[in-house]
N, C-alpha and C. Protein backbone atom coordinates (compact mmCIF):
# COMPACT_ATOMS: atom_id res chain seq x y z
N UNK A 1 -134.79 61.61 -66.83
CA UNK A 1 -133.62 61.07 -66.28
C UNK A 1 -133.69 60.55 -64.67
N UNK A 2 -133.42 59.35 -64.63
CA UNK A 2 -133.25 58.85 -63.45
C UNK A 2 -131.82 59.03 -62.76
N UNK A 3 -132.01 59.10 -61.41
CA UNK A 3 -130.62 59.48 -60.67
C UNK A 3 -130.43 58.38 -59.84
N UNK A 4 -129.27 57.88 -59.40
CA UNK A 4 -128.93 57.04 -58.48
C UNK A 4 -127.53 57.31 -57.95
N UNK A 5 -127.40 56.87 -56.67
CA UNK A 5 -126.18 56.93 -55.88
C UNK A 5 -125.90 55.64 -55.38
N UNK A 6 -124.47 55.44 -55.82
CA UNK A 6 -123.37 54.41 -55.26
C UNK A 6 -122.99 54.69 -54.08
N UNK A 7 -123.32 54.32 -53.24
CA UNK A 7 -122.71 54.80 -51.58
C UNK A 7 -122.01 53.65 -51.11
N UNK A 8 -120.72 53.84 -50.88
CA UNK A 8 -119.81 53.05 -50.50
C UNK A 8 -118.80 53.65 -49.27
N UNK A 9 -118.37 52.73 -48.48
CA UNK A 9 -117.23 52.87 -47.77
C UNK A 9 -116.02 51.81 -47.99
N UNK A 10 -114.67 52.47 -48.13
CA UNK A 10 -113.59 51.68 -48.76
C UNK A 10 -112.46 52.12 -47.61
N UNK A 11 -111.82 51.35 -46.86
CA UNK A 11 -110.61 51.57 -46.02
C UNK A 11 -109.37 51.51 -46.88
N UNK A 12 -109.27 50.19 -47.81
CA UNK A 12 -108.05 50.10 -48.29
C UNK A 12 -108.12 50.01 -49.88
N UNK A 13 -109.43 50.65 -50.55
CA UNK A 13 -109.46 50.94 -51.83
C UNK A 13 -110.19 49.69 -52.62
N UNK A 14 -110.43 48.59 -52.03
CA UNK A 14 -110.94 47.53 -52.81
C UNK A 14 -112.56 47.68 -52.93
N UNK A 15 -113.24 48.19 -51.99
CA UNK A 15 -114.63 48.39 -52.05
C UNK A 15 -115.04 49.51 -53.19
N UNK A 16 -113.90 50.77 -52.76
CA UNK A 16 -114.37 51.65 -53.93
C UNK A 16 -113.84 51.26 -55.30
N UNK A 17 -112.83 50.17 -55.43
CA UNK A 17 -112.60 49.93 -56.93
C UNK A 17 -113.70 49.08 -57.46
N UNK A 18 -114.68 48.44 -56.60
CA UNK A 18 -115.69 47.65 -57.15
C UNK A 18 -116.82 48.60 -57.27
N UNK A 19 -117.11 49.71 -56.46
CA UNK A 19 -117.94 50.59 -56.82
C UNK A 19 -117.75 51.48 -58.25
N UNK A 20 -116.38 51.66 -58.62
CA UNK A 20 -116.28 52.09 -59.72
C UNK A 20 -116.66 51.31 -61.01
N UNK A 21 -116.58 49.97 -60.61
CA UNK A 21 -116.85 48.85 -61.89
C UNK A 21 -118.62 48.91 -61.70
N UNK A 22 -119.14 49.22 -60.81
CA UNK A 22 -120.64 49.13 -60.78
C UNK A 22 -121.01 50.51 -61.42
N UNK A 23 -120.43 51.47 -61.19
CA UNK A 23 -120.37 52.76 -62.19
C UNK A 23 -120.40 52.49 -63.38
N UNK A 24 -119.33 52.01 -63.89
CA UNK A 24 -119.16 51.82 -65.36
C UNK A 24 -120.27 50.89 -66.06
N UNK A 25 -120.78 49.97 -65.12
CA UNK A 25 -122.10 49.15 -65.71
C UNK A 25 -123.26 50.19 -65.72
N UNK A 26 -123.42 51.28 -64.52
CA UNK A 26 -124.98 52.09 -64.74
C UNK A 26 -124.66 52.90 -66.09
N UNK A 27 -123.25 53.45 -66.25
CA UNK A 27 -123.16 54.29 -67.50
C UNK A 27 -123.56 53.51 -68.75
N UNK A 28 -123.62 52.10 -68.71
CA UNK A 28 -123.93 51.54 -70.12
C UNK A 28 -125.52 51.64 -70.32
N UNK A 29 -126.37 52.36 -69.51
CA UNK A 29 -127.76 52.43 -69.77
C UNK A 29 -128.31 54.02 -69.80
N UNK A 30 -129.01 54.08 -71.30
CA UNK A 30 -129.17 55.76 -71.15
C UNK A 30 -130.22 55.96 -70.03
N UNK A 31 -130.36 57.17 -69.96
CA UNK A 31 -131.24 57.94 -69.28
C UNK A 31 -130.96 57.68 -67.56
N UNK A 32 -129.88 57.21 -67.37
CA UNK A 32 -129.66 57.06 -65.98
C UNK A 32 -128.39 58.04 -65.47
N UNK A 33 -128.30 58.70 -64.65
CA UNK A 33 -127.30 59.31 -64.03
C UNK A 33 -126.89 59.02 -62.71
N UNK A 34 -125.42 58.54 -62.86
CA UNK A 34 -125.13 57.78 -61.43
C UNK A 34 -123.92 58.49 -61.01
N UNK A 35 -123.88 58.59 -59.73
CA UNK A 35 -122.78 59.32 -58.82
C UNK A 35 -122.15 58.36 -57.67
N UNK A 36 -120.83 58.30 -57.70
CA UNK A 36 -120.16 57.69 -56.47
C UNK A 36 -120.34 58.74 -55.27
N UNK A 37 -120.65 58.22 -54.22
CA UNK A 37 -120.79 58.80 -52.95
C UNK A 37 -120.26 57.99 -51.82
N UNK A 38 -119.16 58.99 -50.95
CA UNK A 38 -118.69 58.14 -49.82
C UNK A 38 -119.53 58.38 -48.80
N UNK A 39 -120.03 57.07 -48.02
CA UNK A 39 -120.62 56.84 -46.85
C UNK A 39 -120.36 58.11 -45.90
N UNK A 40 -118.98 58.19 -45.73
CA UNK A 40 -118.75 59.03 -44.64
C UNK A 40 -119.11 60.39 -44.86
N UNK A 41 -119.43 60.84 -46.29
CA UNK A 41 -119.66 62.32 -46.83
C UNK A 41 -121.04 62.41 -46.68
N UNK A 42 -122.10 61.42 -47.08
CA UNK A 42 -123.39 61.40 -47.11
C UNK A 42 -123.93 61.39 -45.66
N UNK A 43 -123.21 60.75 -44.63
CA UNK A 43 -123.61 60.62 -43.24
C UNK A 43 -123.67 62.01 -42.70
N UNK A 44 -122.94 63.05 -43.17
CA UNK A 44 -122.95 64.27 -42.69
C UNK A 44 -124.38 65.13 -43.20
N UNK A 45 -124.72 64.79 -44.52
CA UNK A 45 -125.89 65.40 -45.13
C UNK A 45 -126.66 64.34 -45.75
N UNK A 46 -127.32 63.61 -44.83
CA UNK A 46 -128.15 62.51 -45.33
C UNK A 46 -129.64 63.07 -46.25
N UNK A 47 -129.83 64.16 -45.98
CA UNK A 47 -131.08 64.59 -46.51
C UNK A 47 -130.98 64.83 -48.19
N UNK A 48 -129.66 64.56 -48.60
CA UNK A 48 -129.56 64.66 -49.82
C UNK A 48 -129.92 63.42 -50.41
N UNK A 49 -130.00 62.40 -49.87
CA UNK A 49 -130.37 60.94 -50.47
C UNK A 49 -131.77 61.03 -51.23
N UNK A 50 -132.69 61.91 -50.74
CA UNK A 50 -133.97 62.35 -51.21
C UNK A 50 -133.96 62.50 -52.77
N UNK A 51 -133.03 63.07 -53.34
CA UNK A 51 -132.57 63.58 -54.41
C UNK A 51 -132.54 62.32 -55.40
N UNK A 52 -132.24 61.29 -54.87
CA UNK A 52 -131.79 60.07 -55.84
C UNK A 52 -133.12 58.99 -55.92
N UNK A 53 -133.35 58.34 -57.05
CA UNK A 53 -134.34 57.46 -57.16
C UNK A 53 -134.06 56.02 -56.90
N UNK A 54 -132.43 55.76 -56.66
CA UNK A 54 -132.18 54.48 -56.57
C UNK A 54 -130.72 54.63 -55.62
N UNK A 55 -130.50 53.68 -54.86
CA UNK A 55 -129.24 53.70 -54.10
C UNK A 55 -128.74 52.18 -54.07
N UNK A 56 -127.24 52.38 -54.30
CA UNK A 56 -126.66 51.11 -54.49
C UNK A 56 -125.69 51.04 -53.20
N UNK A 57 -125.77 50.28 -51.94
CA UNK A 57 -124.72 50.35 -51.15
C UNK A 57 -123.87 49.42 -51.21
N UNK A 58 -122.43 49.95 -50.71
CA UNK A 58 -121.46 49.21 -50.62
C UNK A 58 -120.52 49.09 -49.66
N UNK A 59 -120.29 47.94 -48.80
CA UNK A 59 -119.19 48.11 -47.96
C UNK A 59 -118.57 46.95 -47.76
N UNK A 60 -117.24 47.20 -47.09
CA UNK A 60 -116.50 45.72 -46.86
C UNK A 60 -117.26 44.90 -45.83
N UNK A 61 -116.94 43.57 -45.82
CA UNK A 61 -117.23 43.11 -44.80
C UNK A 61 -116.43 43.08 -43.81
N UNK A 62 -116.70 43.70 -42.34
CA UNK A 62 -115.59 43.30 -41.37
C UNK A 62 -116.61 42.71 -40.43
N UNK A 63 -116.02 41.73 -39.79
CA UNK A 63 -116.35 40.67 -38.88
C UNK A 63 -117.75 40.38 -38.97
N UNK A 64 -118.19 40.02 -40.33
CA UNK A 64 -119.40 39.54 -40.54
C UNK A 64 -120.74 40.77 -40.70
N UNK A 65 -120.19 41.75 -40.86
CA UNK A 65 -121.25 42.99 -41.10
C UNK A 65 -120.49 44.29 -41.78
N UNK A 66 -121.35 45.17 -41.89
CA UNK A 66 -120.82 46.42 -42.55
C UNK A 66 -119.64 47.15 -41.80
N UNK A 67 -118.86 47.94 -42.34
CA UNK A 67 -117.89 48.78 -41.58
C UNK A 67 -118.53 49.67 -40.78
N UNK A 68 -117.83 50.01 -39.75
CA UNK A 68 -118.21 51.04 -38.63
C UNK A 68 -118.63 52.14 -39.57
N UNK A 69 -117.78 53.23 -40.51
CA UNK A 69 -118.20 54.17 -41.25
C UNK A 69 -119.60 53.96 -41.96
N UNK A 70 -119.64 52.91 -42.71
CA UNK A 70 -120.76 52.47 -43.26
C UNK A 70 -122.25 52.19 -42.50
N UNK A 71 -122.08 51.91 -41.09
CA UNK A 71 -122.91 51.70 -40.33
C UNK A 71 -123.40 53.25 -39.77
N UNK A 72 -122.49 54.08 -39.54
CA UNK A 72 -122.74 55.66 -39.23
C UNK A 72 -123.53 56.18 -40.22
N UNK A 73 -123.35 55.95 -41.41
CA UNK A 73 -124.20 56.37 -42.71
C UNK A 73 -125.56 55.88 -42.39
N UNK A 74 -125.53 54.48 -42.17
CA UNK A 74 -127.01 53.89 -42.03
C UNK A 74 -127.70 54.63 -40.80
N UNK A 75 -127.14 54.95 -39.49
CA UNK A 75 -127.50 55.67 -38.57
C UNK A 75 -128.30 56.96 -38.79
N UNK A 76 -127.25 57.66 -39.64
CA UNK A 76 -127.55 58.91 -39.54
C UNK A 76 -128.76 59.16 -40.59
N UNK A 77 -129.47 58.33 -41.09
CA UNK A 77 -130.63 58.44 -42.08
C UNK A 77 -131.80 58.02 -40.98
N UNK A 78 -131.71 58.18 -39.77
CA UNK A 78 -132.89 57.89 -38.90
C UNK A 78 -134.15 58.88 -39.13
N UNK A 79 -133.67 60.07 -39.25
CA UNK A 79 -134.75 61.43 -39.53
C UNK A 79 -135.36 61.01 -40.96
N UNK A 80 -134.70 60.58 -41.85
CA UNK A 80 -135.28 60.18 -42.91
C UNK A 80 -136.27 58.91 -43.12
N UNK A 81 -136.05 57.98 -42.14
CA UNK A 81 -136.73 56.84 -41.88
C UNK A 81 -138.49 57.16 -41.12
N UNK A 82 -137.96 58.26 -40.03
CA UNK A 82 -139.35 58.65 -39.20
C UNK A 82 -140.21 59.23 -40.24
N UNK A 83 -139.82 59.96 -41.38
CA UNK A 83 -140.89 60.55 -42.36
C UNK A 83 -140.82 59.91 -43.61
N UNK A 84 -140.44 58.75 -43.63
CA UNK A 84 -140.41 57.79 -44.95
C UNK A 84 -139.82 58.45 -46.13
N UNK A 85 -138.84 59.40 -46.13
CA UNK A 85 -138.54 59.98 -47.42
C UNK A 85 -137.76 58.90 -48.42
N UNK A 86 -137.53 57.87 -48.03
CA UNK A 86 -136.94 56.99 -49.06
C UNK A 86 -137.85 55.92 -49.38
N UNK A 87 -138.99 55.99 -48.97
CA UNK A 87 -139.96 54.73 -49.50
C UNK A 87 -140.33 54.94 -50.96
N UNK A 88 -140.12 53.64 -51.55
CA UNK A 88 -140.41 53.36 -53.01
C UNK A 88 -139.11 53.67 -53.78
N UNK A 89 -138.02 54.13 -53.23
CA UNK A 89 -136.97 54.02 -53.94
C UNK A 89 -136.16 52.72 -54.18
N UNK A 90 -135.41 52.44 -55.20
CA UNK A 90 -134.76 51.24 -55.52
C UNK A 90 -133.45 51.12 -54.64
N UNK A 91 -133.15 49.97 -54.05
CA UNK A 91 -131.92 49.68 -53.60
C UNK A 91 -131.04 48.55 -53.83
N UNK A 92 -129.85 48.44 -53.65
CA UNK A 92 -129.18 47.11 -53.97
C UNK A 92 -127.82 47.08 -53.15
N UNK A 93 -127.11 46.03 -52.94
CA UNK A 93 -126.13 46.10 -52.05
C UNK A 93 -125.00 45.18 -52.82
N UNK A 94 -123.72 45.48 -52.39
CA UNK A 94 -122.42 44.87 -52.93
C UNK A 94 -121.68 44.98 -51.53
N UNK A 95 -120.65 44.02 -51.35
CA UNK A 95 -119.64 43.93 -50.46
C UNK A 95 -118.36 42.98 -51.05
N UNK A 96 -117.36 43.40 -50.37
CA UNK A 96 -115.97 42.63 -50.76
C UNK A 96 -115.48 42.31 -49.27
N UNK A 97 -115.04 41.18 -49.43
CA UNK A 97 -113.99 40.60 -48.38
C UNK A 97 -112.68 39.80 -48.73
N UNK A 98 -112.05 39.56 -47.83
CA UNK A 98 -110.62 38.87 -48.46
C UNK A 98 -110.78 37.44 -48.72
N UNK A 99 -111.90 36.81 -48.12
CA UNK A 99 -112.02 35.26 -48.47
C UNK A 99 -113.37 35.12 -49.12
N UNK A 100 -113.35 33.75 -49.97
CA UNK A 100 -114.63 33.33 -50.88
C UNK A 100 -116.11 33.63 -49.95
N UNK A 101 -116.06 33.22 -48.87
CA UNK A 101 -117.37 33.43 -48.13
C UNK A 101 -117.32 34.51 -47.19
N UNK A 102 -116.39 34.60 -46.44
CA UNK A 102 -115.98 35.77 -45.53
C UNK A 102 -117.15 36.55 -44.73
N UNK A 103 -118.51 35.55 -44.81
CA UNK A 103 -119.71 35.99 -44.15
C UNK A 103 -120.23 37.28 -44.86
N UNK A 104 -119.85 37.35 -46.05
CA UNK A 104 -120.43 38.41 -47.09
C UNK A 104 -121.97 38.40 -46.90
N UNK A 105 -122.67 37.59 -46.81
CA UNK A 105 -124.03 37.32 -46.85
C UNK A 105 -124.66 38.02 -45.66
N UNK A 106 -124.12 37.92 -44.57
CA UNK A 106 -124.63 38.80 -43.33
C UNK A 106 -124.34 40.35 -43.60
N UNK A 107 -123.48 40.82 -44.37
CA UNK A 107 -123.57 42.17 -44.74
C UNK A 107 -124.39 42.61 -45.71
N UNK A 108 -124.74 41.75 -46.64
CA UNK A 108 -125.87 42.11 -47.64
C UNK A 108 -127.22 41.98 -46.92
N UNK A 109 -127.25 41.16 -45.86
CA UNK A 109 -128.55 41.04 -45.26
C UNK A 109 -129.00 42.38 -44.29
N UNK A 110 -127.72 42.95 -43.72
CA UNK A 110 -127.84 44.11 -42.87
C UNK A 110 -128.23 45.30 -43.96
N UNK A 111 -127.92 45.28 -45.09
CA UNK A 111 -128.13 46.40 -45.89
C UNK A 111 -129.57 46.06 -46.38
N UNK A 112 -130.00 44.86 -46.75
CA UNK A 112 -131.42 44.62 -47.18
C UNK A 112 -132.29 44.91 -45.89
N UNK A 113 -132.23 44.80 -44.84
CA UNK A 113 -132.76 45.21 -43.69
C UNK A 113 -133.07 46.91 -43.61
N UNK A 114 -131.95 47.37 -44.00
CA UNK A 114 -131.92 48.78 -43.66
C UNK A 114 -133.09 49.35 -44.84
N UNK A 115 -132.79 48.69 -46.11
CA UNK A 115 -133.44 49.22 -47.20
C UNK A 115 -135.15 48.73 -46.92
N UNK A 116 -135.36 47.84 -46.32
CA UNK A 116 -136.76 47.58 -46.18
C UNK A 116 -137.22 48.34 -44.87
N UNK A 117 -136.40 48.80 -43.95
CA UNK A 117 -137.04 49.75 -42.84
C UNK A 117 -137.33 50.99 -43.51
N UNK A 118 -136.67 51.28 -44.54
CA UNK A 118 -137.16 52.61 -45.16
C UNK A 118 -138.07 52.38 -46.10
N UNK A 119 -138.46 51.24 -46.46
CA UNK A 119 -139.58 51.23 -47.65
C UNK A 119 -139.27 51.13 -48.86
N UNK A 120 -137.70 51.04 -49.13
CA UNK A 120 -137.26 50.83 -50.38
C UNK A 120 -137.49 49.39 -50.98
N UNK A 121 -137.05 49.46 -52.48
CA UNK A 121 -137.52 48.10 -53.21
C UNK A 121 -136.27 47.60 -53.51
N UNK A 122 -136.03 46.38 -53.08
CA UNK A 122 -134.63 45.59 -53.33
C UNK A 122 -134.54 44.74 -54.73
N UNK A 123 -133.45 45.32 -55.19
CA UNK A 123 -133.03 44.55 -56.39
C UNK A 123 -131.95 43.46 -56.18
N UNK A 124 -131.95 42.43 -56.66
CA UNK A 124 -131.26 41.21 -56.16
C UNK A 124 -130.20 41.11 -57.30
N UNK A 125 -129.47 40.22 -57.35
CA UNK A 125 -128.42 39.88 -58.22
C UNK A 125 -128.63 38.65 -59.28
N UNK A 126 -129.24 38.82 -60.36
CA UNK A 126 -129.89 37.63 -61.23
C UNK A 126 -128.84 36.86 -62.20
N UNK A 127 -127.78 37.26 -61.92
CA UNK A 127 -126.71 37.00 -62.90
C UNK A 127 -126.21 35.29 -62.64
N UNK A 128 -126.40 34.69 -63.37
CA UNK A 128 -126.14 33.26 -63.43
C UNK A 128 -124.71 32.72 -63.52
N UNK A 129 -124.07 31.94 -62.39
CA UNK A 129 -122.54 31.96 -62.26
C UNK A 129 -122.19 31.28 -63.57
N UNK A 130 -121.41 31.87 -64.57
CA UNK A 130 -120.96 31.25 -65.69
C UNK A 130 -119.84 30.01 -65.66
N UNK A 131 -119.28 29.89 -64.47
CA UNK A 131 -118.53 28.68 -64.34
C UNK A 131 -119.19 27.30 -64.81
N UNK A 132 -120.68 27.44 -64.81
CA UNK A 132 -121.37 26.26 -64.71
C UNK A 132 -121.79 25.97 -66.26
N UNK A 133 -121.38 26.91 -67.04
CA UNK A 133 -121.22 26.87 -68.63
C UNK A 133 -119.81 26.68 -69.19
N UNK A 134 -118.73 26.24 -68.40
CA UNK A 134 -117.52 26.13 -68.98
C UNK A 134 -116.69 27.44 -68.60
N UNK A 135 -116.98 28.35 -68.30
CA UNK A 135 -116.08 29.70 -68.11
C UNK A 135 -115.25 29.30 -66.97
N UNK A 136 -113.85 29.42 -67.24
CA UNK A 136 -112.89 29.50 -65.82
C UNK A 136 -113.46 30.13 -64.99
N UNK A 137 -113.35 29.50 -63.58
CA UNK A 137 -113.77 29.96 -62.52
C UNK A 137 -113.41 31.75 -62.11
N UNK A 138 -112.16 32.03 -62.43
CA UNK A 138 -111.69 33.45 -62.21
C UNK A 138 -112.28 34.23 -63.12
N UNK A 139 -112.79 33.94 -64.34
CA UNK A 139 -113.31 34.67 -65.17
C UNK A 139 -114.80 34.69 -65.55
N UNK A 140 -115.46 34.03 -64.53
CA UNK A 140 -117.03 33.54 -64.53
C UNK A 140 -117.56 34.74 -63.77
N UNK A 141 -118.76 35.37 -64.23
CA UNK A 141 -119.43 36.05 -63.90
C UNK A 141 -120.35 35.37 -62.58
N UNK A 142 -120.65 36.38 -61.50
CA UNK A 142 -121.14 35.57 -60.21
C UNK A 142 -120.59 34.42 -59.57
N UNK A 143 -119.22 34.17 -59.85
CA UNK A 143 -118.26 32.93 -59.42
C UNK A 143 -118.87 32.58 -58.01
N UNK A 144 -119.22 33.51 -57.09
CA UNK A 144 -119.21 33.30 -55.75
C UNK A 144 -120.66 32.80 -55.56
N UNK A 145 -121.82 32.83 -56.69
CA UNK A 145 -122.99 32.28 -56.46
C UNK A 145 -123.76 33.15 -55.37
N UNK A 146 -123.92 34.67 -55.86
CA UNK A 146 -124.73 35.26 -54.50
C UNK A 146 -126.05 35.98 -55.23
N UNK A 147 -127.12 35.92 -54.82
CA UNK A 147 -128.33 36.27 -55.32
C UNK A 147 -128.89 37.41 -54.67
N UNK A 148 -128.48 37.80 -53.50
CA UNK A 148 -129.21 38.78 -52.82
C UNK A 148 -128.37 40.17 -53.12
N UNK A 149 -127.32 40.13 -53.74
CA UNK A 149 -126.55 41.26 -53.89
C UNK A 149 -125.24 40.93 -54.36
N UNK A 150 -124.38 41.80 -54.86
CA UNK A 150 -122.81 41.59 -55.50
C UNK A 150 -122.00 41.11 -54.25
N UNK A 151 -121.37 40.13 -54.51
CA UNK A 151 -120.21 39.53 -53.63
C UNK A 151 -118.79 39.66 -54.62
N UNK A 152 -117.80 40.38 -53.97
CA UNK A 152 -116.56 40.30 -54.86
C UNK A 152 -115.63 39.92 -53.71
N UNK A 153 -114.42 39.07 -54.30
CA UNK A 153 -113.22 38.73 -52.99
C UNK A 153 -112.07 39.54 -53.40
N UNK A 154 -111.36 40.00 -52.61
CA UNK A 154 -110.20 40.91 -52.69
C UNK A 154 -109.18 40.05 -51.71
N UNK A 155 -107.97 39.83 -52.33
CA UNK A 155 -106.79 39.28 -51.49
C UNK A 155 -106.32 39.86 -50.53
N UNK A 156 -106.00 38.91 -49.30
CA UNK A 156 -105.49 39.92 -48.20
C UNK A 156 -104.09 40.73 -48.44
N UNK A 157 -104.13 41.95 -48.22
CA UNK A 157 -103.22 42.80 -48.46
C UNK A 157 -103.03 42.89 -49.89
N UNK A 158 -103.77 42.73 -50.61
CA UNK A 158 -103.41 42.73 -52.38
C UNK A 158 -103.84 44.25 -52.68
N UNK A 159 -103.01 44.77 -53.77
CA UNK A 159 -103.48 46.05 -54.21
C UNK A 159 -104.91 46.29 -54.46
N UNK A 160 -105.52 47.45 -54.45
CA UNK A 160 -107.07 47.61 -54.57
C UNK A 160 -107.65 47.22 -55.81
N UNK A 161 -106.91 47.26 -57.00
CA UNK A 161 -107.41 46.73 -58.13
C UNK A 161 -106.95 45.17 -58.56
N UNK A 162 -106.67 44.46 -57.55
CA UNK A 162 -106.17 43.03 -57.93
C UNK A 162 -107.23 42.10 -57.98
N UNK A 163 -108.52 42.39 -58.49
CA UNK A 163 -109.79 41.49 -58.46
C UNK A 163 -109.38 40.62 -59.51
N UNK A 164 -110.02 39.32 -59.74
CA UNK A 164 -110.13 38.38 -60.75
C UNK A 164 -111.14 39.20 -61.83
N UNK A 165 -110.71 38.70 -63.04
CA UNK A 165 -111.68 39.28 -64.02
C UNK A 165 -113.10 39.15 -63.83
N UNK A 166 -113.48 37.79 -63.35
CA UNK A 166 -114.99 37.50 -63.10
C UNK A 166 -115.59 38.60 -62.22
N UNK A 167 -114.95 38.99 -61.05
CA UNK A 167 -115.51 39.92 -60.18
C UNK A 167 -115.63 41.25 -60.87
N UNK A 168 -114.81 41.70 -61.64
CA UNK A 168 -114.83 42.96 -62.35
C UNK A 168 -115.94 42.94 -63.12
N UNK A 169 -116.25 41.77 -64.10
CA UNK A 169 -117.27 41.41 -65.17
C UNK A 169 -118.69 41.54 -64.29
N UNK A 170 -118.85 40.97 -63.10
CA UNK A 170 -119.93 40.95 -62.12
C UNK A 170 -120.09 42.16 -61.94
N UNK A 171 -119.40 43.04 -61.40
CA UNK A 171 -119.65 44.23 -60.67
C UNK A 171 -120.50 45.33 -61.82
N UNK A 172 -119.73 45.28 -63.12
CA UNK A 172 -120.37 46.06 -64.29
C UNK A 172 -121.76 45.49 -64.80
N UNK A 173 -121.99 44.02 -64.64
CA UNK A 173 -123.31 43.52 -65.19
C UNK A 173 -124.12 43.76 -64.03
N UNK A 174 -123.81 43.98 -62.81
CA UNK A 174 -124.64 44.23 -61.67
C UNK A 174 -125.17 45.66 -61.67
N UNK A 175 -124.14 46.60 -61.83
CA UNK A 175 -124.35 48.11 -62.06
C UNK A 175 -125.47 48.29 -63.32
N UNK A 176 -125.38 47.58 -64.27
CA UNK A 176 -126.21 47.70 -65.41
C UNK A 176 -127.32 47.07 -65.36
N UNK A 177 -127.70 46.04 -64.49
CA UNK A 177 -128.68 45.40 -64.31
C UNK A 177 -129.77 46.40 -63.27
N UNK A 178 -129.08 47.03 -62.43
CA UNK A 178 -129.82 48.09 -61.52
C UNK A 178 -130.10 49.24 -62.25
N UNK A 179 -129.34 49.65 -63.09
CA UNK A 179 -129.88 50.85 -63.87
C UNK A 179 -131.00 50.41 -64.88
N UNK A 180 -130.76 49.27 -65.51
CA UNK A 180 -131.87 49.02 -66.38
C UNK A 180 -133.50 48.72 -65.43
N UNK A 181 -133.03 48.03 -64.44
CA UNK A 181 -134.02 48.07 -63.29
C UNK A 181 -134.97 49.44 -63.07
N UNK A 182 -133.98 50.46 -62.70
CA UNK A 182 -134.58 51.86 -62.46
C UNK A 182 -135.21 52.11 -63.42
N UNK A 183 -134.70 52.14 -64.66
CA UNK A 183 -135.32 52.86 -65.81
C UNK A 183 -137.04 51.94 -66.05
N UNK A 184 -136.96 50.64 -65.78
CA UNK A 184 -138.23 49.98 -65.72
C UNK A 184 -139.15 50.35 -64.80
N UNK A 185 -138.74 50.74 -63.63
CA UNK A 185 -139.72 51.21 -62.59
C UNK A 185 -140.08 52.57 -62.60
N UNK A 186 -139.11 53.49 -62.93
CA UNK A 186 -139.65 55.04 -63.12
C UNK A 186 -140.64 55.43 -63.93
N UNK A 187 -141.64 56.12 -63.41
CA UNK A 187 -142.68 56.45 -64.14
C UNK A 187 -142.58 57.89 -64.35
N UNK A 188 -142.57 58.07 -65.50
CA UNK A 188 -142.36 59.84 -65.82
C UNK A 188 -143.56 60.51 -65.45
N UNK A 189 -143.30 61.70 -64.88
CA UNK A 189 -144.18 62.51 -64.00
C UNK A 189 -145.09 63.32 -65.10
């Protein structure tokens, strides 16, 4: 059984809501055990990351990058980097901002660089934007057109669960894709 962690920080609940949707998607795949892990918790015990085969990273986009608590988690993994204990694990990322663009790409890129420095293997977002096939924009999977990771948009000061159906669908598809990828690359011992 493969084991994965969805590591996230969420100040207002939006990123946590998307993390929970990603979790729903991972649970559609057999032989994968997925856990939600708060970035601020794992920052205190980063050695626990070694137990996982895959890491899905999630942060809101704040001023064009990951949040402070998420960056603190990344920084806490320095000892693991020096010993390359995360090398070969799968990684992916997701982010939420209040604007359609909101510089989410730079947040995903910082997660990508973090994963590459650890020697992890990055899983992108292969979901084709459905609005090109006539699906209404708010219901379309990958409506924001991100290939490097999952992007979602939360309205300014909106309740944590007030995402358009397309972003919820995309998060679940993204989680499922990651779990399927994890199963494909895991070699039984």
